[in-house]
Amino acid sequence: MHFINGHTLANSGTRLGNVYDPALGQVVRQVVLAEVADADKAITAAHAAYPSWRDTSLTKRQQIMFNFREILNAKKEELAAIVTEEHGKTLPDALGEVTRG
């Protein structure tokens, strides 16, 4: 599934990609790979959304980005655990990466 333009959409194809834990060499999950049609939908939605975003005041855009940052900060331990599992980084290294990101 893909999240495009505020909606969760079923993938137009059936291709899956394995995600490995590099420390164990084991598949920990699978992700649905986007097809060209999925990418086209995302690009079209982003292109259509840009004028509204561009015309949104700096104060409102800043508020949205700060709120997003707060959500990331609230979930940083969970995100760092995913980075550790999927990329083999140590947890402190992954926490640093999430915080800097």
C-alpha atoms as a PDB file:
ATOM      1  CA  MET A   1       0.000   0.000   0.000  1.00  0.00           C
ATOM      2  CA  HIS A   2       1.084   3.545  -0.681  1.00  0.00           C
ATOM      3  CA  PHE A   3      -0.032   6.799   0.908  1.00  0.00           C
ATOM      4  CA  ILE A   4      -0.691   9.339  -1.854  1.00  0.00           C
ATOM      5  CA  ASN A   5      -2.626  12.594  -1.651  1.00  0.00           C
ATOM      6  CA  GLY A   6      -4.031  11.832   1.784  1.00  0.00           C
ATOM      7  CA  HIS A   7      -5.241   8.357   0.886  1.00  0.00           C
ATOM      8  CA  THR A   8      -3.925   4.849   1.282  1.00  0.00           C
ATOM      9  CA  LEU A   9      -3.980   3.255  -2.151  1.00  0.00           C
ATOM     10  CA  ALA A  10      -3.618  -0.345  -3.114  1.00  0.00           C
ATOM     11  CA  ASN A  11      -0.516  -0.973  -5.205  1.00  0.00           C
ATOM     12  CA  SER A  12      -1.169  -1.370  -8.910  1.00  0.00           C
ATOM     13  CA  GLY A  13       1.229  -4.331  -8.990  1.00  0.00           C
ATOM     14  CA  THR A  14       2.205  -7.228  -6.805  1.00  0.00           C
ATOM     15  CA  ARG A  15       5.977  -6.883  -6.551  1.00  0.00           C
ATOM     16  CA  LEU A  16       7.376  -7.247  -3.048  1.00  0.00           C
ATOM     17  CA  GLY A  17      10.834  -6.460  -1.754  1.00  0.00           C
ATOM     18  CA  ASN A  18      12.477  -8.184   1.167  1.00  0.00           C
ATOM     19  CA  VAL A  19      13.909  -6.102   4.012  1.00  0.00           C
ATOM     20  CA  TYR A  20      16.807  -7.844   5.747  1.00  0.00           C
ATOM     21  CA  ASP A  21      18.294  -7.478   9.183  1.00  0.00           C
ATOM     22  CA  PRO A  22      21.948  -7.165   8.134  1.00  0.00           C
ATOM     23  CA  ALA A  23      23.178  -8.466  11.486  1.00  0.00           C
ATOM     24  CA  LEU A  24      21.249 -11.714  11.118  1.00  0.00           C
ATOM     25  CA  GLY A  25      20.863 -11.965   7.357  1.00  0.00           C
ATOM     26  CA  GLN A  26      17.175 -12.730   7.853  1.00  0.00           C
ATOM     27  CA  VAL A  27      14.112 -11.215   6.219  1.00  0.00           C
ATOM     28  CA  VAL A  28      12.333  -9.091   8.848  1.00  0.00           C
ATOM     29  CA  ARG A  29       9.525  -7.764   6.653  1.00  0.00           C
ATOM     30  CA  GLN A  30       8.419  -7.193   3.102  1.00  0.00           C
ATOM     31  CA  VAL A  31       7.462  -3.954   1.412  1.00  0.00           C
ATOM     32  CA  VAL A  32       5.266  -3.392  -1.617  1.00  0.00           C
ATOM     33  CA  LEU A  33       7.308  -1.966  -4.478  1.00  0.00           C
ATOM     34  CA  ALA A  34       5.727   0.864  -6.433  1.00  0.00           C
ATOM     35  CA  GLU A  35       4.954   0.515 -10.101  1.00  0.00           C
ATOM     36  CA  VAL A  36       5.371   3.342 -12.596  1.00  0.00           C
ATOM     37  CA  ALA A  37       1.629   4.086 -12.300  1.00  0.00           C
ATOM     38  CA  ASP A  38       2.027   4.534  -8.533  1.00  0.00           C
ATOM     39  CA  ALA A  39       4.930   6.940  -8.985  1.00  0.00           C
ATOM     40  CA  ASP A  40       2.934   8.848 -11.612  1.00  0.00           C
ATOM     41  CA  LYS A  41       0.029   9.230  -9.158  1.00  0.00           C
ATOM     42  CA  ALA A  42       2.372  10.535  -6.462  1.00  0.00           C
ATOM     43  CA  ILE A  43       4.066  12.974  -8.856  1.00  0.00           C
ATOM     44  CA  THR A  44       0.728  14.238 -10.158  1.00  0.00           C
ATOM     45  CA  ALA A  45      -0.575  14.725  -6.596  1.00  0.00           C
ATOM     46  CA  ALA A  46       2.591  16.553  -5.532  1.00  0.00           C
ATOM     47  CA  HIS A  47       2.472  18.782  -8.605  1.00  0.00           C
ATOM     48  CA  ALA A  48      -1.187  19.635  -7.920  1.00  0.00           C
ATOM     49  CA  ALA A  49      -0.499  20.339  -4.228  1.00  0.00           C
ATOM     50  CA  TYR A  50       2.459  22.634  -4.817  1.00  0.00           C
ATOM     51  CA  PRO A  51       0.563  25.873  -5.649  1.00  0.00           C
ATOM     52  CA  SER A  52      -1.449  25.637  -2.431  1.00  0.00           C
ATOM     53  CA  TRP A  53       1.673  24.892  -0.369  1.00  0.00           C
ATOM     54  CA  ARG A  54       3.585  27.698  -2.092  1.00  0.00           C
ATOM     55  CA  ASP A  55       0.781  30.154  -1.291  1.00  0.00           C
ATOM     56  CA  THR A  56       0.541  29.070   2.362  1.00  0.00           C
ATOM     57  CA  SER A  57       2.039  31.650   4.678  1.00  0.00           C
ATOM     58  CA  LEU A  58       5.525  31.084   6.006  1.00  0.00           C
ATOM     59  CA  THR A  59       4.133  31.042   9.547  1.00  0.00           C
ATOM     60  CA  LYS A  60       1.659  28.259   8.717  1.00  0.00           C
ATOM     61  CA  ARG A  61       4.268  26.202   6.822  1.00  0.00           C
ATOM     62  CA  GLN A  62       6.658  26.611   9.737  1.00  0.00           C
ATOM     63  CA  GLN A  63       3.951  25.439  12.155  1.00  0.00           C
ATOM     64  CA  ILE A  64       3.288  22.349  10.020  1.00  0.00           C
ATOM     65  CA  MET A  65       6.988  21.468   9.855  1.00  0.00           C
ATOM     66  CA  PHE A  66       7.453  22.009  13.606  1.00  0.00           C
ATOM     67  CA  ASN A  67       4.454  19.772  14.309  1.00  0.00           C
ATOM     68  CA  PHE A  68       6.004  17.129  12.068  1.00  0.00           C
ATOM     69  CA  ARG A  69       9.274  17.458  13.978  1.00  0.00           C
ATOM     70  CA  GLU A  70       7.408  16.939  17.262  1.00  0.00           C
ATOM     71  CA  ILE A  71       5.791  13.778  15.924  1.00  0.00           C
ATOM     72  CA  LEU A  72       9.212  12.474  14.868  1.00  0.00           C
ATOM     73  CA  ASN A  73      10.673  13.341  18.280  1.00  0.00           C
ATOM     74  CA  ALA A  74       7.839  11.509  20.036  1.00  0.00           C
ATOM     75  CA  LYS A  75       8.532   8.406  17.923  1.00  0.00           C
ATOM     76  CA  LYS A  76      12.330   8.637  17.737  1.00  0.00           C
ATOM     77  CA  GLU A  77      13.015   5.518  19.817  1.00  0.00           C
ATOM     78  CA  GLU A  78      10.651   3.477  17.650  1.00  0.00           C
ATOM     79  CA  LEU A  79      12.179   4.902  14.464  1.00  0.00           C
ATOM     80  CA  ALA A  80      15.710   4.268  15.737  1.00  0.00           C
ATOM     81  CA  ALA A  81      14.815   0.641  16.484  1.00  0.00           C
ATOM     82  CA  ILE A  82      13.632   0.253  12.882  1.00  0.00           C
ATOM     83  CA  VAL A  83      16.842   1.821  11.549  1.00  0.00           C
ATOM     84  CA  THR A  84      18.864  -0.533  13.752  1.00  0.00           C
ATOM     85  CA  GLU A  85      16.967  -3.578  12.563  1.00  0.00           C
ATOM     86  CA  GLU A  86      16.965  -2.660   8.878  1.00  0.00           C
ATOM     87  CA  HIS A  87      20.394  -1.052   8.508  1.00  0.00           C
ATOM     88  CA  GLY A  88      22.510  -2.674  11.191  1.00  0.00           C
ATOM     89  CA  LYS A  89      23.399   0.535  13.023  1.00  0.00           C
ATOM     90  CA  THR A  90      23.844   0.505  16.763  1.00  0.00           C
ATOM     91  CA  LEU A  91      20.877   1.971  18.640  1.00  0.00           C
ATOM     92  CA  PRO A  92      22.785   5.098  19.779  1.00  0.00           C
ATOM     93  CA  ASP A  93      23.970   5.655  16.202  1.00  0.00           C
ATOM     94  CA  ALA A  94      20.422   5.224  14.896  1.00  0.00           C
ATOM     95  CA  LEU A  95      19.045   7.622  17.539  1.00  0.00           C
ATOM     96  CA  GLY A  96      21.589  10.203  16.430  1.00  0.00           C
ATOM     97  CA  GLU A  97      20.597   9.729  12.807  1.00  0.00           C
ATOM     98  CA  VAL A  98      16.884  10.114  13.566  1.00  0.00           C
ATOM     99  CA  THR A  99      17.569  13.198  15.687  1.00  0.00           C
ATOM    100  CA  ARG A 100      19.733  14.834  12.997  1.00  0.00           C
ATOM    101  CA  GLY A 101      17.268  13.918  10.256  1.00  0.00           C
END
